[in-house]
C-alpha atoms as a PDB file:
ATOM      1  CA  MET A   1      35.070   1.496  11.474  1.00  0.00           C
ATOM      2  CA  ASP A   2      38.581   2.449  10.486  1.00  0.00           C
ATOM      3  CA  GLY A   3      38.809   3.312   6.805  1.00  0.00           C
ATOM      4  CA  LYS A   4      35.073   3.692   6.316  1.00  0.00           C
ATOM      5  CA  ARG A   5      33.629   6.875   4.880  1.00  0.00           C
ATOM      6  CA  LEU A   6      30.376   8.527   5.896  1.00  0.00           C
ATOM      7  CA  TRP A   7      28.046   9.722   3.154  1.00  0.00           C
ATOM      8  CA  ALA A   8      24.684  11.468   3.111  1.00  0.00           C
ATOM      9  CA  ILE A   9      22.085  10.631   0.478  1.00  0.00           C
ATOM     10  CA  ARG A  10      18.629  11.961  -0.383  1.00  0.00           C
ATOM     11  CA  ALA A  11      15.573  10.024  -1.554  1.00  0.00           C
ATOM     12  CA  GLY A  12      14.691  12.418  -4.369  1.00  0.00           C
ATOM     13  CA  SER A  13      13.890  16.116  -4.185  1.00  0.00           C
ATOM     14  CA  ALA A  14      10.661  15.477  -2.244  1.00  0.00           C
ATOM     15  CA  GLY A  15      11.400  12.047  -0.780  1.00  0.00           C
ATOM     16  CA  GLU A  16       9.844  10.176  -3.712  1.00  0.00           C
ATOM     17  CA  ALA A  17      12.106   7.132  -3.200  1.00  0.00           C
ATOM     18  CA  ASP A  18      11.504   6.876   0.564  1.00  0.00           C
ATOM     19  CA  SER A  19       9.758   3.505   0.240  1.00  0.00           C
ATOM     20  CA  LEU A  20      12.730   2.048  -1.637  1.00  0.00           C
ATOM     21  CA  PHE A  21      15.103   3.360   1.017  1.00  0.00           C
ATOM     22  CA  LEU A  22      13.307   2.147   4.129  1.00  0.00           C
ATOM     23  CA  ASP A  23      10.986  -0.633   2.931  1.00  0.00           C
ATOM     24  CA  ALA A  24      13.127  -2.256   0.241  1.00  0.00           C
ATOM     25  CA  GLY A  25      16.542  -1.582   1.776  1.00  0.00           C
ATOM     26  CA  GLN A  26      17.868   0.138  -1.342  1.00  0.00           C
ATOM     27  CA  ILE A  27      19.524   3.509  -1.798  1.00  0.00           C
ATOM     28  CA  VAL A  28      18.868   4.979  -5.230  1.00  0.00           C
ATOM     29  CA  ILE A  29      19.697   7.841  -7.578  1.00  0.00           C
ATOM     30  CA  SER A  30      17.465   9.138 -10.352  1.00  0.00           C
ATOM     31  CA  SER A  31      17.946   7.552 -13.767  1.00  0.00           C
ATOM     32  CA  LEU A  32      16.115  10.241 -15.761  1.00  0.00           C
ATOM     33  CA  GLU A  33      19.346  11.652 -17.201  1.00  0.00           C
ATOM     34  CA  ALA A  34      21.079   8.271 -17.537  1.00  0.00           C
ATOM     35  CA  ASP A  35      18.516   5.572 -18.182  1.00  0.00           C
ATOM     36  CA  ASP A  36      20.838   2.625 -18.759  1.00  0.00           C
ATOM     37  CA  ASP A  37      23.132   0.355 -16.755  1.00  0.00           C
ATOM     38  CA  LEU A  38      26.197   2.374 -15.743  1.00  0.00           C
ATOM     39  CA  ALA A  39      28.310  -0.646 -14.833  1.00  0.00           C
ATOM     40  CA  SER A  40      29.444  -0.960 -18.451  1.00  0.00           C
ATOM     41  CA  LEU A  41      30.842   2.580 -18.585  1.00  0.00           C
ATOM     42  CA  PRO A  42      34.589   3.152 -18.126  1.00  0.00           C
ATOM     43  CA  ALA A  43      35.339   4.059 -14.526  1.00  0.00           C
ATOM     44  CA  THR A  44      36.160   7.696 -15.289  1.00  0.00           C
ATOM     45  CA  ARG A  45      34.263  10.909 -14.629  1.00  0.00           C
ATOM     46  CA  GLY A  46      34.785  11.881 -18.257  1.00  0.00           C
ATOM     47  CA  ALA A  47      32.844   8.838 -19.446  1.00  0.00           C
ATOM     48  CA  PHE A  48      29.931   9.782 -17.201  1.00  0.00           C
ATOM     49  CA  ARG A  49      30.014  13.387 -18.431  1.00  0.00           C
ATOM     50  CA  ASP A  50      29.982  12.200 -22.044  1.00  0.00           C
ATOM     51  CA  LEU A  51      26.944  10.031 -21.359  1.00  0.00           C
ATOM     52  CA  LEU A  52      24.995  12.884 -19.787  1.00  0.00           C
ATOM     53  CA  ALA A  53      25.990  15.244 -22.600  1.00  0.00           C
ATOM     54  CA  GLN A  54      23.849  13.088 -24.889  1.00  0.00           C
ATOM     55  CA  SER A  55      20.777  13.651 -22.687  1.00  0.00           C
ATOM     56  CA  ASN A  56      18.376  16.514 -23.287  1.00  0.00           C
ATOM     57  CA  ASN A  57      17.492  16.545 -19.573  1.00  0.00           C
ATOM     58  CA  ALA A  58      20.893  17.219 -18.051  1.00  0.00           C
ATOM     59  CA  GLY A  59      21.166  20.883 -19.087  1.00  0.00           C
ATOM     60  CA  ASN A  60      23.960  22.921 -17.544  1.00  0.00           C
ATOM     61  CA  ALA A  61      24.315  20.606 -14.560  1.00  0.00           C
ATOM     62  CA  ILE A  62      26.235  17.894 -16.432  1.00  0.00           C
ATOM     63  CA  PRO A  63      29.475  18.088 -14.348  1.00  0.00           C
ATOM     64  CA  VAL A  64      27.563  17.892 -11.061  1.00  0.00           C
ATOM     65  CA  GLN A  65      25.204  15.109 -12.112  1.00  0.00           C
ATOM     66  CA  ALA A  66      28.022  13.124 -13.686  1.00  0.00           C
ATOM     67  CA  GLY A  67      30.006  13.421 -10.465  1.00  0.00           C
ATOM     68  CA  GLN A  68      27.023  12.223  -8.433  1.00  0.00           C
ATOM     69  CA  LEU A  69      26.531   9.148 -10.579  1.00  0.00           C
ATOM     70  CA  TYR A  70      30.261   8.374 -10.651  1.00  0.00           C
ATOM     71  CA  ARG A  71      30.454   8.560  -6.865  1.00  0.00           C
ATOM     72  CA  PHE A  72      27.385   6.339  -6.471  1.00  0.00           C
ATOM     73  CA  VAL A  73      28.792   3.668  -8.782  1.00  0.00           C
ATOM     74  CA  HIS A  74      32.520   3.768  -7.989  1.00  0.00           C
ATOM     75  CA  GLU A  75      33.426   5.786  -4.877  1.00  0.00           C
ATOM     76  CA  LEU A  76      30.692   4.488  -2.594  1.00  0.00           C
ATOM     77  CA  ARG A  77      32.082   1.211  -1.254  1.00  0.00           C
ATOM     78  CA  ILE A  78      30.539  -1.793   0.460  1.00  0.00           C
ATOM     79  CA  GLY A  79      30.953  -1.168   4.182  1.00  0.00           C
ATOM     80  CA  ASP A  80      30.745   2.621   3.929  1.00  0.00           C
ATOM     81  CA  LEU A  81      28.243   4.329   6.224  1.00  0.00           C
ATOM     82  CA  LEU A  82      25.250   6.390   5.103  1.00  0.00           C
ATOM     83  CA  ILE A  83      23.045   9.054   6.600  1.00  0.00           C
ATOM     84  CA  TYR A  84      19.567   9.427   5.114  1.00  0.00           C
ATOM     85  CA  PRO A  85      18.010  12.734   6.302  1.00  0.00           C
ATOM     86  CA  ARG A  86      14.313  11.965   5.973  1.00  0.00           C
ATOM     87  CA  LYS A  87      12.552  15.252   5.268  1.00  0.00           C
ATOM     88  CA  CYS A  88       8.969  14.344   6.144  1.00  0.00           C
ATOM     89  CA  ASP A  89       9.630  13.556   9.816  1.00  0.00           C
ATOM     90  CA  ARG A  90      13.106  15.092  10.351  1.00  0.00           C
ATOM     91  CA  ILE A  91      14.618  11.749  11.319  1.00  0.00           C
ATOM     92  CA  LEU A  92      18.187  10.777  10.379  1.00  0.00           C
ATOM     93  CA  HIS A  93      18.709   7.121   9.487  1.00  0.00           C
ATOM     94  CA  LEU A  94      22.159   5.501   9.737  1.00  0.00           C
ATOM     95  CA  GLY A  95      22.936   2.596   7.417  1.00  0.00           C
ATOM     96  CA  GLU A  96      25.754   0.577   5.924  1.00  0.00           C
ATOM     97  CA  VAL A  97      26.234  -0.112   2.217  1.00  0.00           C
ATOM     98  CA  THR A  98      25.931  -3.861   1.738  1.00  0.00           C
ATOM     99  CA  GLY A  99      25.834  -4.350  -2.030  1.00  0.00           C
ATOM    100  CA  PRO A 100      27.405  -3.255  -5.313  1.00  0.00           C
ATOM    101  CA  TYR A 101      25.794  -0.977  -7.869  1.00  0.00           C
ATOM    102  CA  VAL A 102      22.888  -2.547  -9.790  1.00  0.00           C
ATOM    103  CA  PHE A 103      20.517  -1.251 -12.453  1.00  0.00           C
ATOM    104  CA  GLU A 104      16.962  -2.261 -11.543  1.00  0.00           C
ATOM    105  CA  THR A 105      13.644  -0.820 -12.759  1.00  0.00           C
ATOM    106  CA  GLU A 106      11.229  -2.746 -10.539  1.00  0.00           C
ATOM    107  CA  GLY A 107       9.180  -0.419  -8.370  1.00  0.00           C
ATOM    108  CA  LEU A 108      10.084   3.192  -9.107  1.00  0.00           C
ATOM    109  CA  ALA A 109      11.612   2.945 -12.576  1.00  0.00           C
ATOM    110  CA  GLU A 110      12.820   6.545 -12.457  1.00  0.00           C
ATOM    111  CA  PHE A 111      15.208   5.501  -9.646  1.00  0.00           C
ATOM    112  CA  ALA A 112      16.885   2.558 -11.344  1.00  0.00           C
ATOM    113  CA  HIS A 113      20.471   3.138 -10.107  1.00  0.00           C
ATOM    114  CA  ARG A 114      20.517   1.238  -6.816  1.00  0.00           C
ATOM    115  CA  ARG A 115      22.613  -0.281  -4.054  1.00  0.00           C
ATOM    116  CA  ALA A 116      21.637  -2.410  -1.069  1.00  0.00           C
ATOM    117  CA  VAL A 117      21.751  -0.894   2.417  1.00  0.00           C
ATOM    118  CA  ASN A 118      21.273  -2.178   5.949  1.00  0.00           C
ATOM    119  CA  TRP A 119      19.720   0.434   8.244  1.00  0.00           C
ATOM    120  CA  MET A 120      21.183   0.296  11.754  1.00  0.00           C
ATOM    121  CA  GLY A 121      19.428   3.065  13.666  1.00  0.00           C
ATOM    122  CA  SER A 122      17.688   6.435  13.618  1.00  0.00           C
ATOM    123  CA  ARG A 123      17.849   9.714  15.539  1.00  0.00           C
ATOM    124  CA  SER A 124      15.874  12.941  15.513  1.00  0.00           C
ATOM    125  CA  ARG A 125      17.560  15.945  13.921  1.00  0.00           C
ATOM    126  CA  ASP A 126      17.003  17.759  17.213  1.00  0.00           C
ATOM    127  CA  VAL A 127      19.880  15.930  18.952  1.00  0.00           C
ATOM    128  CA  PHE A 128      22.516  17.208  16.519  1.00  0.00           C
ATOM    129  CA  SER A 129      24.341  20.531  16.578  1.00  0.00           C
ATOM    130  CA  GLN A 130      23.483  23.253  14.080  1.00  0.00           C
ATOM    131  CA  ALA A 131      26.940  22.841  12.521  1.00  0.00           C
ATOM    132  CA  ALA A 132      26.257  19.170  11.763  1.00  0.00           C
ATOM    133  CA  LEU A 133      22.836  20.006  10.352  1.00  0.00           C
ATOM    134  CA  PHE A 134      24.319  22.690   8.100  1.00  0.00           C
ATOM    135  CA  GLU A 135      26.719  20.119   6.654  1.00  0.00           C
ATOM    136  CA  LEU A 136      23.798  17.775   6.059  1.00  0.00           C
ATOM    137  CA  GLY A 137      22.024  20.615   4.262  1.00  0.00           C
ATOM    138  CA  SER A 138      24.107  20.298   1.104  1.00  0.00           C
ATOM    139  CA  ALA A 139      22.060  20.590  -2.076  1.00  0.00           C
ATOM    140  CA  LEU A 140      23.709  17.499  -3.568  1.00  0.00           C
ATOM    141  CA  THR A 141      21.944  14.137  -3.697  1.00  0.00           C
ATOM    142  CA  LEU A 142      25.024  12.196  -2.560  1.00  0.00           C
ATOM    143  CA  PHE A 143      27.914  13.793  -0.678  1.00  0.00           C
ATOM    144  CA  GLU A 144      30.538  12.875   1.882  1.00  0.00           C
ATOM    145  CA  ILE A 145      30.251  13.990   5.507  1.00  0.00           C
ATOM    146  CA  LYS A 146      33.633  15.077   6.858  1.00  0.00           C
ATOM    147  CA  THR A 147      33.532  17.808   9.513  1.00  0.00           C
ATOM    148  CA  GLY A 148      30.501  16.444  11.352  1.00  0.00           C
ATOM    149  CA  MET A 149      31.306  12.755  10.975  1.00  0.00           C
ATOM    150  CA  ARG A 150      32.535  12.198  14.519  1.00  0.00           C
ATOM    151  CA  GLU A 151      29.563  13.957  16.125  1.00  0.00           C
ATOM    152  CA  ILE A 152      27.060  12.080  13.999  1.00  0.00           C
ATOM    153  CA  LEU A 153      28.550   8.673  14.742  1.00  0.00           C
ATOM    154  CA  VAL A 154      28.853   9.407  18.455  1.00  0.00           C
ATOM    155  CA  LYS A 155      25.167  10.371  18.546  1.00  0.00           C
ATOM    156  CA  PHE A 156      24.391   7.030  16.926  1.00  0.00           C
ATOM    157  CA  SER A 157      26.533   5.339  19.622  1.00  0.00           C
ATOM    158  CA  GLU A 158      29.215   4.580  17.038  1.00  0.00           C
ATOM    159  CA  ARG A 159      32.830   5.713  17.037  1.00  0.00           C
ATOM    160  CA  SER A 160      35.078   6.099  14.036  1.00  0.00           C
ATOM    161  CA  ASN A 161      38.275   7.756  12.901  1.00  0.00           C
ATOM    162  CA  VAL A 162      37.778   8.088   9.177  1.00  0.00           C
ATOM    163  CA  PRO A 163      40.628   9.800   7.321  1.00  0.00           C
ATOM    164  CA  HIS A 164      39.936  12.923   5.323  1.00  0.00           C
ATOM    165  CA  HIS A 165      39.475  12.193   1.628  1.00  0.00           C
ATOM    166  CA  GLY A 166      39.987  14.651  -1.175  1.00  0.00           C
ATOM    167  CA  GLY A 167      38.297  14.667  -4.559  1.00  0.00           C
ATOM    168  CA  GLU A 168      36.856  17.011  -7.091  1.00  0.00           C
ATOM    169  CA  ASP A 169      34.841  19.852  -5.673  1.00  0.00           C
ATOM    170  CA  GLU A 170      31.355  19.548  -7.156  1.00  0.00           C
ATOM    171  CA  MET A 171      29.997  22.664  -5.486  1.00  0.00           C
ATOM    172  CA  ASP A 172      30.832  25.123  -8.210  1.00  0.00           C
ATOM    173  CA  GLY A 173      29.094  28.151  -6.686  1.00  0.00           C
ATOM    174  CA  SER A 174      26.114  27.774  -8.991  1.00  0.00           C
ATOM    175  CA  GLU A 175      23.146  30.002  -8.199  1.00  0.00           C
ATOM    176  CA  GLU A 176      20.971  26.895  -8.142  1.00  0.00           C
ATOM    177  CA  TYR A 177      22.772  25.609  -5.067  1.00  0.00           C
ATOM    178  CA  VAL A 178      22.257  28.897  -3.244  1.00  0.00           C
ATOM    179  CA  VAL A 179      18.506  28.795  -3.861  1.00  0.00           C
ATOM    180  CA  ARG A 180      18.164  25.143  -2.883  1.00  0.00           C
ATOM    181  CA  ASP A 181      20.127  25.698   0.315  1.00  0.00           C
ATOM    182  CA  VAL A 182      17.943  28.642   1.362  1.00  0.00           C
ATOM    183  CA  ASN A 183      14.769  26.704   0.579  1.00  0.00           C
ATOM    184  CA  GLU A 184      15.906  23.685   2.535  1.00  0.00           C
ATOM    185  CA  THR A 185      16.956  25.733   5.548  1.00  0.00           C
ATOM    186  CA  THR A 186      13.555  27.458   5.549  1.00  0.00           C
ATOM    187  CA  SER A 187      11.709  24.153   5.189  1.00  0.00           C
ATOM    188  CA  ASP A 188      13.682  22.688   8.066  1.00  0.00           C
ATOM    189  CA  PHE A 189      12.810  25.667  10.275  1.00  0.00           C
ATOM    190  CA  ILE A 190       9.085  25.344   9.493  1.00  0.00           C
ATOM    191  CA  ALA A 191       9.196  21.604  10.224  1.00  0.00           C
ATOM    192  CA  ARG A 192      10.818  22.341  13.595  1.00  0.00           C
ATOM    193  CA  ARG A 193       8.093  24.838  14.463  1.00  0.00           C
ATOM    194  CA  LEU A 194       5.341  22.391  13.490  1.00  0.00           C
ATOM    195  CA  LYS A 195       6.873  19.837  15.831  1.00  0.00           C
ATOM    196  CA  SER A 196       7.420  22.221  18.751  1.00  0.00           C
ATOM    197  CA  ARG A 197       4.461  24.635  18.514  1.00  0.00           C
ATOM    198  CA  PHE A 198       1.719  22.715  16.689  1.00  0.00           C
ATOM    199  CA  LYS A 199       1.847  19.154  18.015  1.00  0.00           C
ATOM    200  CA  GLY A 200      -1.593  17.588  18.445  1.00  0.00           C
ATOM    201  CA  TYR A 201      -4.690  19.786  18.403  1.00  0.00           C
ATOM    202  CA  PRO A 202      -2.860  23.136  17.735  1.00  0.00           C
ATOM    203  CA  LEU A 203      -2.141  21.949  14.197  1.00  0.00           C
ATOM    204  CA  GLU A 204      -5.856  21.846  13.357  1.00  0.00           C
ATOM    205  CA  PRO A 205      -6.395  25.649  13.566  1.00  0.00           C
ATOM    206  CA  LEU A 206      -3.222  26.145  11.530  1.00  0.00           C
ATOM    207  CA  VAL A 207      -4.526  23.827   8.801  1.00  0.00           C
ATOM    208  CA  ALA A 208      -7.862  25.651   8.817  1.00  0.00           C
ATOM    209  CA  GLU A 209      -6.008  28.957   8.480  1.00  0.00           C
ATOM    210  CA  LEU A 210      -3.900  27.507   5.665  1.00  0.00           C
ATOM    211  CA  PHE A 211      -7.041  26.646   3.707  1.00  0.00           C
ATOM    212  CA  ARG A 212      -8.376  30.150   4.322  1.00  0.00           C
ATOM    213  CA  ALA A 213      -5.079  31.483   2.969  1.00  0.00           C
ATOM    214  CA  MET A 214      -5.711  29.343  -0.117  1.00  0.00           C
ATOM    215  CA  GLY A 215      -9.081  31.018  -0.674  1.00  0.00           C
ATOM    216  CA  TYR A 216     -11.486  28.651   1.116  1.00  0.00           C
ATOM    217  CA  ARG A 217     -13.849  29.132   4.019  1.00  0.00           C
ATOM    218  CA  ALA A 218     -12.616  26.760   6.696  1.00  0.00           C
ATOM    219  CA  GLN A 219     -13.256  25.922  10.330  1.00  0.00           C
ATOM    220  CA  THR A 220     -12.177  23.299  12.837  1.00  0.00           C
ATOM    221  CA  THR A 221     -14.749  20.805  14.102  1.00  0.00           C
ATOM    222  CA  ARG A 222     -13.532  20.342  17.679  1.00  0.00           C
ATOM    223  CA  THR A 223     -16.631  21.991  19.150  1.00  0.00           C
ATOM    224  CA  SER A 224     -19.007  19.876  17.034  1.00  0.00           C
ATOM    225  CA  ARG A 225     -17.109  16.658  17.865  1.00  0.00           C
ATOM    226  CA  ASP A 226     -17.208  15.518  14.232  1.00  0.00           C
ATOM    227  CA  ASP A 227     -15.457  12.174  14.760  1.00  0.00           C
ATOM    228  CA  GLY A 228     -12.443  11.722  12.506  1.00  0.00           C
ATOM    229  CA  ILE A 229     -12.906  15.051  10.704  1.00  0.00           C
ATOM    230  CA  ASP A 230     -10.789  17.874  12.120  1.00  0.00           C
ATOM    231  CA  VAL A 231     -11.316  20.641   9.551  1.00  0.00           C
ATOM    232  CA  ILE A 232     -14.045  21.375   6.995  1.00  0.00           C
ATOM    233  CA  ALA A 233     -13.393  23.687   4.034  1.00  0.00           C
ATOM    234  CA  HIS A 234     -15.587  24.891   1.184  1.00  0.00           C
ATOM    235  CA  ARG A 235     -15.925  27.721  -1.347  1.00  0.00           C
ATOM    236  CA  ASP A 236     -19.469  28.980  -0.808  1.00  0.00           C
ATOM    237  CA  GLU A 237     -20.713  30.913   2.215  1.00  0.00           C
ATOM    238  CA  LEU A 238     -23.178  28.267   3.411  1.00  0.00           C
ATOM    239  CA  GLY A 239     -20.982  25.250   2.844  1.00  0.00           C
ATOM    240  CA  ILE A 240     -23.516  23.338   0.773  1.00  0.00           C
ATOM    241  CA  GLU A 241     -22.015  23.457  -2.708  1.00  0.00           C
ATOM    242  CA  PRO A 242     -19.626  20.642  -3.605  1.00  0.00           C
ATOM    243  CA  PRO A 243     -16.863  19.932  -3.264  1.00  0.00           C
ATOM    244  CA  ILE A 244     -16.816  19.923   0.523  1.00  0.00           C
ATOM    245  CA  PHE A 245     -13.333  19.217   1.862  1.00  0.00           C
ATOM    246  CA  LYS A 246     -13.268  16.926   4.904  1.00  0.00           C
ATOM    247  CA  ILE A 247      -9.791  17.063   6.436  1.00  0.00           C
ATOM    248  CA  GLN A 248      -8.127  14.844   9.000  1.00  0.00           C
ATOM    249  CA  VAL A 249      -4.946  16.122  10.669  1.00  0.00           C
ATOM    250  CA  LYS A 250      -2.275  14.011  12.383  1.00  0.00           C
ATOM    251  CA  THR A 251       0.993  15.042  14.027  1.00  0.00           C
ATOM    252  CA  ASN A 252       3.138  11.955  14.241  1.00  0.00           C
ATOM    253  CA  GLU A 253       6.532  10.589  13.279  1.00  0.00           C
ATOM    254  CA  ALA A 254       5.426   7.080  12.307  1.00  0.00           C
ATOM    255  CA  ASN A 255       4.103   6.412   8.807  1.00  0.00           C
ATOM    256  CA  ILE A 256       0.316   6.437   8.383  1.00  0.00           C
ATOM    257  CA  GLY A 257      -0.773   3.014   7.163  1.00  0.00           C
ATOM    258  CA  SER A 258      -3.503   1.915   4.789  1.00  0.00           C
ATOM    259  CA  ASP A 259      -5.902   0.918   7.598  1.00  0.00           C
ATOM    260  CA  SER A 260      -6.021   4.491   8.918  1.00  0.00           C
ATOM    261  CA  VAL A 261      -6.510   5.892   5.425  1.00  0.00           C
ATOM    262  CA  LYS A 262      -9.283   3.380   4.637  1.00  0.00           C
ATOM    263  CA  ALA A 263     -11.068   4.221   7.885  1.00  0.00           C
ATOM    264  CA  PHE A 264     -10.916   7.903   7.012  1.00  0.00           C
ATOM    265  CA  ALA A 265     -12.160   7.255   3.454  1.00  0.00           C
ATOM    266  CA  ALA A 266     -15.126   5.297   4.813  1.00  0.00           C
ATOM    267  CA  MET A 267     -16.433   8.474   6.469  1.00  0.00           C
ATOM    268  CA  GLU A 268     -16.602  10.388   3.190  1.00  0.00           C
ATOM    269  CA  GLN A 269     -19.859  11.070   1.424  1.00  0.00           C
ATOM    270  CA  GLU A 270     -20.175  11.091  -2.357  1.00  0.00           C
ATOM    271  CA  ARG A 271     -19.825  14.839  -2.726  1.00  0.00           C
ATOM    272  CA  ASP A 272     -16.896  15.080  -0.279  1.00  0.00           C
ATOM    273  CA  VAL A 273     -13.207  15.319  -1.000  1.00  0.00           C
ATOM    274  CA  GLY A 274     -11.150  13.760   1.768  1.00  0.00           C
ATOM    275  CA  ILE A 275      -7.743  15.219   2.609  1.00  0.00           C
ATOM    276  CA  PHE A 276      -5.520  13.361   5.085  1.00  0.00           C
ATOM    277  CA  ILE A 277      -2.717  15.595   6.358  1.00  0.00           C
ATOM    278  CA  THR A 278       0.200  14.369   8.468  1.00  0.00           C
ATOM    279  CA  THR A 279       3.471  15.893   9.610  1.00  0.00           C
ATOM    280  CA  GLY A 280       5.011  12.484   8.914  1.00  0.00           C
ATOM    281  CA  ASN A 281       4.505  10.303   5.859  1.00  0.00           C
ATOM    282  CA  PHE A 282       2.355   7.498   4.455  1.00  0.00           C
ATOM    283  CA  THR A 283       3.204   3.886   3.753  1.00  0.00           C
ATOM    284  CA  SER A 284       3.327   2.622   0.181  1.00  0.00           C
ATOM    285  CA  GLY A 285       0.138   0.637   0.923  1.00  0.00           C
ATOM    286  CA  ALA A 286      -1.710   3.801   1.923  1.00  0.00           C
ATOM    287  CA  ARG A 287      -0.639   5.578  -1.259  1.00  0.00           C
ATOM    288  CA  GLU A 288      -1.598   2.573  -3.379  1.00  0.00           C
ATOM    289  CA  PHE A 289      -5.120   2.620  -1.888  1.00  0.00           C
ATOM    290  CA  THR A 290      -5.428   6.337  -2.655  1.00  0.00           C
ATOM    291  CA  ARG A 291      -4.674   5.778  -6.352  1.00  0.00           C
ATOM    292  CA  THR A 292      -8.036   4.021  -6.713  1.00  0.00           C
ATOM    293  CA  ARG A 293     -10.006   6.952  -5.263  1.00  0.00           C
ATOM    294  CA  GLY A 294     -10.247  10.252  -7.107  1.00  0.00           C
ATOM    295  CA  ASN A 295     -11.754  12.096  -4.130  1.00  0.00           C
ATOM    296  CA  LEU A 296      -8.997  11.283  -1.611  1.00  0.00           C
ATOM    297  CA  LYS A 297      -5.754  13.218  -1.243  1.00  0.00           C
ATOM    298  CA  LEU A 298      -2.796  12.465   1.039  1.00  0.00           C
ATOM    299  CA  VAL A 299      -0.568  15.341   2.174  1.00  0.00           C
ATOM    300  CA  ASN A 300       2.676  14.427   3.960  1.00  0.00           C
ATOM    301  CA  GLY A 301       4.976  16.596   6.041  1.00  0.00           C
ATOM    302  CA  VAL A 302       7.073  17.780   3.112  1.00  0.00           C
ATOM    303  CA  GLU A 303       3.987  18.851   1.156  1.00  0.00           C
ATOM    304  CA  LEU A 304       2.473  20.558   4.204  1.00  0.00           C
ATOM    305  CA  VAL A 305       5.637  22.597   4.742  1.00  0.00           C
ATOM    306  CA  GLY A 306       5.620  23.504   1.042  1.00  0.00           C
ATOM    307  CA  LEU A 307       2.039  24.784   1.260  1.00  0.00           C
ATOM    308  CA  ILE A 308       2.866  26.877   4.318  1.00  0.00           C
ATOM    309  CA  GLN A 309       5.768  28.452   2.438  1.00  0.00           C
ATOM    310  CA  LYS A 310       3.658  29.093  -0.649  1.00  0.00           C
ATOM    311  CA  TYR A 311       0.755  30.763   1.158  1.00  0.00           C
ATOM    312  CA  TYR A 312       2.701  32.224   4.085  1.00  0.00           C
ATOM    313  CA  ASP A 313       1.921  35.853   3.236  1.00  0.00           C
ATOM    314  CA  ASN A 314      -1.825  35.138   3.423  1.00  0.00           C
ATOM    315  CA  LEU A 315      -1.708  33.564   6.903  1.00  0.00           C
ATOM    316  CA  ALA A 316      -3.115  35.515   9.851  1.00  0.00           C
ATOM    317  CA  LEU A 317      -0.563  37.438  11.907  1.00  0.00           C
ATOM    318  CA  LYS A 318      -0.820  35.160  14.955  1.00  0.00           C
ATOM    319  CA  PHE A 319       0.276  32.175  12.897  1.00  0.00           C
ATOM    320  CA  ARG A 320       3.072  34.090  11.165  1.00  0.00           C
ATOM    321  CA  GLN A 321       4.343  35.121  14.593  1.00  0.00           C
ATOM    322  CA  GLN A 322       4.617  31.459  15.576  1.00  0.00           C
ATOM    323  CA  ILE A 323       6.449  30.633  12.324  1.00  0.00           C
ATOM    324  CA  PRO A 324       8.433  33.854  11.819  1.00  0.00           C
ATOM    325  CA  LEU A 325       9.942  34.186   8.358  1.00  0.00           C
ATOM    326  CA  ARG A 326      11.354  37.162   6.477  1.00  0.00           C
ATOM    327  CA  ARG A 327      12.033  37.770   2.821  1.00  0.00           C
ATOM    328  CA  VAL A 328      15.561  37.425   1.453  1.00  0.00           C
ATOM    329  CA  TRP A 329      16.955  38.044  -2.007  1.00  0.00           C
ATOM    330  CA  VAL A 330      18.160  34.919  -3.825  1.00  0.00           C
ATOM    331  CA  PRO A 331      19.254  34.360  -7.432  1.00  0.00           C
ATOM    332  CA  ASP A 332      16.385  33.901  -9.893  1.00  0.00           C
ATOM    333  CA  VAL A 333      17.556  30.649 -11.470  1.00  0.00           C
ATOM    334  CA  ASP A 334      14.412  30.395 -13.603  1.00  0.00           C
ATOM    335  CA  ALA A 335      15.276  33.618 -15.417  1.00  0.00           C
ATOM    336  CA  GLY A 336      18.320  32.017 -17.017  1.00  0.00           C
ATOM    337  CA  ALA A 337      21.809  33.374 -17.359  1.00  0.00           C
ATOM    338  CA  GLY A 338      22.052  37.110 -17.699  1.00  0.00           C
END
């Protein structure tokens, strides 16, 4: 692998492009700020910055976003290696870039900047050192892995001696990066705890408590042996006023397919709202089926972690002790420049 570089890339802020990555064999970058074919632009960072300056969506992040797009189109080479840190199940996927940049809107049109990739293997985040995971925690969508490259490739049973490459530093110390890094580190910690402390049945009481933290009356159904329904939640005291939330909970790393979702939906009554919660993710077929049903909601691992963060203060003490978090001060990026 001499001369190859190792990059890390994300599938959107919440894994929106996961199906393109793993099902279609394409790595992608959002085209919301640059919604045209970039192959015709001059191969300079300045040209990419000028293009984004014309967009109303780019805001103050023009230098960073321009650098990301430039790297994706010109610095990322066929034969380079890629790490995709999949957030929903905490699995790292190793791939090789196999195609040039293309502009393609089929599928997820908002991710039209694409390149072909061949995935060669996967490993759990748990086998890597904290130092390697910190490097993978960059807030950028596409970035080069340098310090942890050797460890990562060894863990994937690959060996390489890639030379250090320079380049413009896109981490400009922006407050936004600080906030995103803290959020991602916290999310990763919660995901670890879900995997280690709440695998199988223990997740059901946590989900019931989460719904109570959200203002519902909720209880698990283990004692009543309600087949396929793990948690029931409702607003009223007696649990007779719609909507009644029927919740199925799964702790797994594999994607939940459409057959499992259809079987769950078949158990719903007209007044019910079905919520399928997994610590992993759902296939594109499962999500497509859900679009036709207004009373069925899918919640993947990323969304579950987000809900735990949002309602953490309302959780009972015994659950907070199993997922111990503390408040920290971070820049308020939404308040604007002061």
